[in-house]
Amino acid sequence: MRRGCTIRQVSQRVNAEQLVTQPENERRSLYEIAYAEIRDLLIRAVIPPGAPVREDQLTKQLGVGRTPVREAIKRLEAEWLVNVYPRRGVFATDVHLTDLAVLTEVRCQLEGVAAELAAARANLAQREQLRQLLEDADKRGTAATEQIDFDSAVHRAVYRSARNTYLETTLTQYYNLIIRIWHVFLDRLPEITDHVSELVPILEHILAGEGEAARTLMVDHVKGFERAILSVVGS
């Protein structure tokens, strides 16, 4: 279990019986809460690869009924974060180096496209968010988890700035799998500050409207992550 990671408390606690009488938008909200919480437990390796995902335990920890948890698990299965086995239960998917290779192959194409599109399409609000991230780059903490959080914020902002819903959804799903690999091997990785710092010139090129340069650097950044993992676990 990843030290320092805890389950965030849900302010509104309800049980399964109360859920039946709630309007659809409230049930949807509980589902979104359950999905986000369980997803974070998985991608941060608080629930380690191969470990059981216990519905009864999660309903108590998150303060929601079984229905939101089960709906969340269905979505997480589609996103390759859990496997559901009849009569056996739900388990976090394993992490393999072949996953990293396949993800890198796809991300080298799509992340580059997202960076290039962001340089051309980002609206004023999105550009302001990217500019704020650029300003925050020197303020981020030195802890590995803070570095990862900054990396995550930049990538997700770039996806949104590409203004292509299908591309954003696909890349978000792949990035969650990458973050999971990162957390699994975090204790064995060397200093990651330099890797995360590679995002600074990418942001600068996007804000300057230099799509081709942003694309090239983003592809290099993606490949660099694969090299970093392989350097500690072997090829």
Foldseek 3Di string as FASTA:
>chain_A
DDPPDDQDEDPDADEPVVLVPDDPVVLVVLLVQLLVRVLCCQLLCVQPAFHADDQVVSCVRHRYYSVSNVVSVVVCVVLQQWDQDPPPHIGGHHDDLVLLVVLLVVCLPLLLLLLLLLLVAADPVLLVQLVVLLVCLVVFDQDPVSLVVSLVSLSLSSLVSSVDVVSSVVVVSSVSNVSSLCSVCVVQFDRCSVLSCLVNVLSVCSSVSNSNVNSVSSSVSSVVSSVRSCVRVND
